[in-house]
Structure formats: C-alpha cells, structure tokens
C-alpha cells in the first residue's frame, strides 16, 4: 500500500518560499499569479494490508515527524 502525503502551511503562517516563487514568476512575465503557497509532497510505501492500520501508522508518522503540526496541516490518501 502507498501513502501520498500533502503537507501545507496553515493559513496565517508566513510563507517566504511561496513569496519568492511568486516574485520569480512575476519577473518571468506571469504577473497574473498571486497567493503562491509552497508545501511538501511525500510518498511512503507501506508493508501493510489493513487499511485502518495503515491510516493509523501514516497519521502517527505525520504527527511525530513529517509535519510540524504547530504551523502545518497535512492530509493523505492511501492507494493500493
């Protein structure tokens, strides 16, 4: 089973990388772009067949290491 994890900054948290990307896009002529936010995407292969157990393990991974839950949100999906 594979977990696809998306991690993004919470609303209200400053995103200097997103701002730098937005500025670079403006310099390249994409002036219509606004509100760029940057995040992380992580794929994890799990040797787990039980969906509920896999969800619990991925949630624990996110809470303990992958996401800083003070300033980041995360969501994930499991695919067979």
N, C-alpha and C. Protein backbone atom coordinates (compact mmCIF):
# COMPACT_ATOMS: atom_id res chain seq x y z
N UNK A 1 0.86 -1.17 0.00
CA UNK A 1 0.00 0.00 0.00
C UNK A 1 0.90 1.23 0.00
N UNK A 2 0.46 2.29 -0.67
CA UNK A 2 1.23 3.52 -0.76
C UNK A 2 0.43 4.65 -0.13
N UNK A 3 1.12 5.50 0.62
CA UNK A 3 0.51 6.70 1.18
C UNK A 3 1.06 7.90 0.44
N UNK A 4 0.16 8.78 0.02
CA UNK A 4 0.54 10.05 -0.61
C UNK A 4 0.17 11.16 0.36
N UNK A 5 1.18 11.84 0.87
CA UNK A 5 1.00 12.81 1.95
C UNK A 5 1.27 14.22 1.42
N UNK A 6 0.33 15.11 1.66
CA UNK A 6 0.45 16.52 1.26
C UNK A 6 0.54 17.35 2.54
N UNK A 7 1.59 18.17 2.64
CA UNK A 7 1.81 19.00 3.82
C UNK A 7 1.86 20.46 3.36
N UNK A 8 1.03 21.30 3.99
CA UNK A 8 0.98 22.72 3.65
C UNK A 8 1.00 23.56 4.91
N UNK A 9 1.44 24.80 4.75
CA UNK A 9 1.42 25.72 5.89
C UNK A 9 -0.02 26.10 6.22
N UNK A 10 -0.29 26.27 7.49
CA UNK A 10 -1.61 26.72 7.92
C UNK A 10 -1.85 28.15 7.45
N UNK A 11 -3.12 28.50 7.29
CA UNK A 11 -3.47 29.87 6.93
C UNK A 11 -2.94 30.81 8.00
N UNK A 12 -2.42 31.94 7.58
CA UNK A 12 -1.89 32.93 8.52
C UNK A 12 -0.41 32.77 8.81
N UNK A 13 0.17 31.62 8.43
CA UNK A 13 1.61 31.42 8.62
C UNK A 13 2.33 31.98 7.41
N UNK A 14 3.33 32.83 7.65
CA UNK A 14 4.09 33.41 6.55
C UNK A 14 4.80 32.33 5.75
N UNK A 15 4.82 32.52 4.42
CA UNK A 15 5.42 31.54 3.53
C UNK A 15 6.47 32.24 2.65
N UNK A 16 7.70 32.42 3.17
CA UNK A 16 8.72 33.11 2.38
C UNK A 16 9.08 32.40 1.08
N UNK A 17 9.04 31.07 1.07
CA UNK A 17 9.33 30.35 -0.18
C UNK A 17 8.24 30.60 -1.22
N UNK A 18 7.01 30.61 -0.78
CA UNK A 18 5.91 30.89 -1.69
C UNK A 18 6.01 32.30 -2.24
N UNK A 19 6.37 33.26 -1.39
CA UNK A 19 6.52 34.65 -1.82
C UNK A 19 7.67 34.78 -2.83
N UNK A 20 8.79 34.10 -2.58
CA UNK A 20 9.92 34.13 -3.51
C UNK A 20 9.53 33.52 -4.86
N UNK A 21 8.78 32.44 -4.82
CA UNK A 21 8.31 31.81 -6.06
C UNK A 21 7.38 32.75 -6.81
N UNK A 22 6.49 33.39 -6.10
CA UNK A 22 5.56 34.34 -6.72
C UNK A 22 6.34 35.49 -7.38
N UNK A 23 7.33 36.03 -6.67
CA UNK A 23 8.15 37.11 -7.23
C UNK A 23 8.89 36.65 -8.48
N UNK A 24 9.44 35.45 -8.45
CA UNK A 24 10.15 34.91 -9.62
C UNK A 24 9.20 34.75 -10.80
N UNK A 25 8.00 34.27 -10.54
CA UNK A 25 7.01 34.13 -11.62
C UNK A 25 6.65 35.50 -12.21
N UNK A 26 6.52 36.51 -11.37
CA UNK A 26 6.24 37.87 -11.85
C UNK A 26 7.38 38.36 -12.76
N UNK A 27 8.62 38.11 -12.35
CA UNK A 27 9.77 38.52 -13.15
C UNK A 27 9.83 37.78 -14.48
N UNK A 28 9.25 36.60 -14.55
CA UNK A 28 9.21 35.83 -15.79
C UNK A 28 8.02 36.18 -16.66
N UNK A 29 7.23 37.15 -16.21
CA UNK A 29 6.11 37.61 -17.02
C UNK A 29 4.75 37.06 -16.64
N UNK A 30 4.68 36.32 -15.56
CA UNK A 30 3.40 35.75 -15.10
C UNK A 30 2.80 36.66 -14.03
N UNK A 31 2.48 37.88 -14.41
CA UNK A 31 2.02 38.87 -13.44
C UNK A 31 0.63 38.57 -12.88
N UNK A 32 -0.12 37.69 -13.52
CA UNK A 32 -1.46 37.35 -13.04
C UNK A 32 -1.45 36.40 -11.85
N UNK A 33 -0.28 35.88 -11.49
CA UNK A 33 -0.16 34.92 -10.39
C UNK A 33 -0.18 35.66 -9.05
N UNK A 34 -0.94 35.13 -8.10
CA UNK A 34 -0.95 35.70 -6.75
C UNK A 34 -1.19 34.59 -5.73
N UNK A 35 -0.86 34.87 -4.51
CA UNK A 35 -1.15 33.94 -3.42
C UNK A 35 -0.44 32.60 -3.52
N UNK A 36 0.82 32.60 -3.93
CA UNK A 36 1.55 31.33 -4.06
C UNK A 36 1.90 30.81 -2.67
N UNK A 37 1.57 29.56 -2.42
CA UNK A 37 1.92 28.88 -1.17
C UNK A 37 2.67 27.61 -1.55
N UNK A 38 3.70 27.30 -0.83
CA UNK A 38 4.51 26.14 -1.13
C UNK A 38 4.36 25.10 -0.03
N UNK A 39 4.41 23.84 -0.41
CA UNK A 39 4.28 22.76 0.56
C UNK A 39 5.19 21.60 0.22
N UNK A 40 4.88 20.45 0.81
CA UNK A 40 5.67 19.23 0.59
C UNK A 40 4.75 18.11 0.14
N UNK A 41 5.29 17.23 -0.67
CA UNK A 41 4.58 16.01 -1.08
C UNK A 41 5.51 14.85 -0.79
N UNK A 42 5.00 13.87 -0.06
CA UNK A 42 5.81 12.71 0.33
C UNK A 42 5.04 11.44 -0.01
N UNK A 43 5.71 10.47 -0.64
CA UNK A 43 5.12 9.15 -0.88
C UNK A 43 5.84 8.15 0.00
N UNK A 44 5.06 7.29 0.63
CA UNK A 44 5.60 6.26 1.51
C UNK A 44 4.99 4.93 1.12
N UNK A 45 5.84 3.92 0.87
CA UNK A 45 5.36 2.56 0.64
C UNK A 45 5.24 1.86 1.98
N UNK A 46 4.10 1.25 2.21
CA UNK A 46 3.84 0.56 3.47
C UNK A 46 3.65 -0.93 3.23
N UNK A 47 4.26 -1.74 4.05
CA UNK A 47 4.03 -3.19 4.01
C UNK A 47 2.88 -3.49 4.95
N UNK A 48 1.72 -3.00 4.58
CA UNK A 48 0.51 -3.13 5.42
C UNK A 48 -0.68 -3.37 4.52
N UNK A 49 -1.46 -4.38 4.83
CA UNK A 49 -2.64 -4.69 4.02
C UNK A 49 -3.94 -4.19 4.65
N UNK A 50 -3.93 -3.95 5.95
CA UNK A 50 -5.12 -3.49 6.65
C UNK A 50 -5.21 -1.97 6.52
N UNK A 51 -6.27 -1.48 5.90
CA UNK A 51 -6.42 -0.05 5.62
C UNK A 51 -6.45 0.78 6.91
N UNK A 52 -7.18 0.34 7.91
CA UNK A 52 -7.28 1.08 9.16
C UNK A 52 -5.92 1.16 9.86
N UNK A 53 -5.18 0.08 9.84
CA UNK A 53 -3.85 0.08 10.46
C UNK A 53 -2.90 1.00 9.68
N UNK A 54 -3.00 0.97 8.36
CA UNK A 54 -2.16 1.85 7.53
C UNK A 54 -2.48 3.31 7.81
N UNK A 55 -3.75 3.65 7.90
CA UNK A 55 -4.14 5.04 8.20
C UNK A 55 -3.58 5.48 9.55
N UNK A 56 -3.67 4.62 10.54
CA UNK A 56 -3.16 4.95 11.88
C UNK A 56 -1.64 5.16 11.84
N UNK A 57 -0.94 4.32 11.08
CA UNK A 57 0.52 4.45 11.01
C UNK A 57 0.92 5.73 10.29
N UNK A 58 0.24 6.06 9.19
CA UNK A 58 0.59 7.28 8.45
C UNK A 58 0.28 8.51 9.30
N UNK A 59 -0.83 8.48 10.00
CA UNK A 59 -1.17 9.60 10.88
C UNK A 59 -0.08 9.78 11.95
N UNK A 60 0.38 8.69 12.53
CA UNK A 60 1.44 8.75 13.55
C UNK A 60 2.73 9.29 12.94
N UNK A 61 3.07 8.87 11.71
CA UNK A 61 4.27 9.38 11.03
C UNK A 61 4.19 10.89 10.85
N UNK A 62 3.03 11.35 10.42
CA UNK A 62 2.84 12.79 10.20
C UNK A 62 2.93 13.57 11.51
N UNK A 63 2.27 13.06 12.54
CA UNK A 63 2.24 13.76 13.83
C UNK A 63 3.61 13.78 14.51
N UNK A 64 4.39 12.71 14.33
CA UNK A 64 5.67 12.59 15.04
C UNK A 64 6.86 13.15 14.28
N UNK A 65 6.79 13.16 12.93
CA UNK A 65 7.98 13.55 12.18
C UNK A 65 7.72 14.37 10.92
N UNK A 66 6.83 13.92 10.08
CA UNK A 66 6.72 14.51 8.74
C UNK A 66 6.16 15.92 8.71
N UNK A 67 5.23 16.24 9.59
CA UNK A 67 4.62 17.57 9.61
C UNK A 67 4.86 18.24 10.96
N UNK A 68 5.11 19.52 10.90
CA UNK A 68 5.18 20.32 12.13
C UNK A 68 3.76 20.83 12.35
N UNK A 69 3.01 20.13 13.17
CA UNK A 69 1.57 20.41 13.31
C UNK A 69 1.26 21.75 13.97
N UNK A 70 2.28 22.44 14.47
CA UNK A 70 2.07 23.78 15.02
C UNK A 70 1.78 24.75 13.87
N UNK A 71 2.51 24.60 12.76
CA UNK A 71 2.37 25.54 11.65
C UNK A 71 1.94 24.89 10.34
N UNK A 72 1.82 23.56 10.31
CA UNK A 72 1.48 22.87 9.07
C UNK A 72 0.23 21.99 9.23
N UNK A 73 -0.51 21.89 8.14
CA UNK A 73 -1.60 20.93 8.01
C UNK A 73 -1.11 19.78 7.14
N UNK A 74 -1.73 18.64 7.31
CA UNK A 74 -1.41 17.53 6.42
C UNK A 74 -2.69 16.77 6.07
N UNK A 75 -2.63 16.14 4.93
CA UNK A 75 -3.68 15.23 4.51
C UNK A 75 -3.02 14.11 3.74
N UNK A 76 -3.64 12.96 3.70
CA UNK A 76 -3.04 11.87 2.96
C UNK A 76 -4.12 10.99 2.36
N UNK A 77 -3.68 10.23 1.37
CA UNK A 77 -4.55 9.24 0.75
C UNK A 77 -3.77 7.94 0.64
N UNK A 78 -4.49 6.85 0.76
CA UNK A 78 -3.88 5.53 0.62
C UNK A 78 -4.31 4.95 -0.72
N UNK A 79 -3.35 4.39 -1.45
CA UNK A 79 -3.65 3.74 -2.72
C UNK A 79 -3.04 2.35 -2.69
N UNK A 80 -3.76 1.43 -3.30
CA UNK A 80 -3.29 0.04 -3.30
C UNK A 80 -2.18 -0.17 -4.28
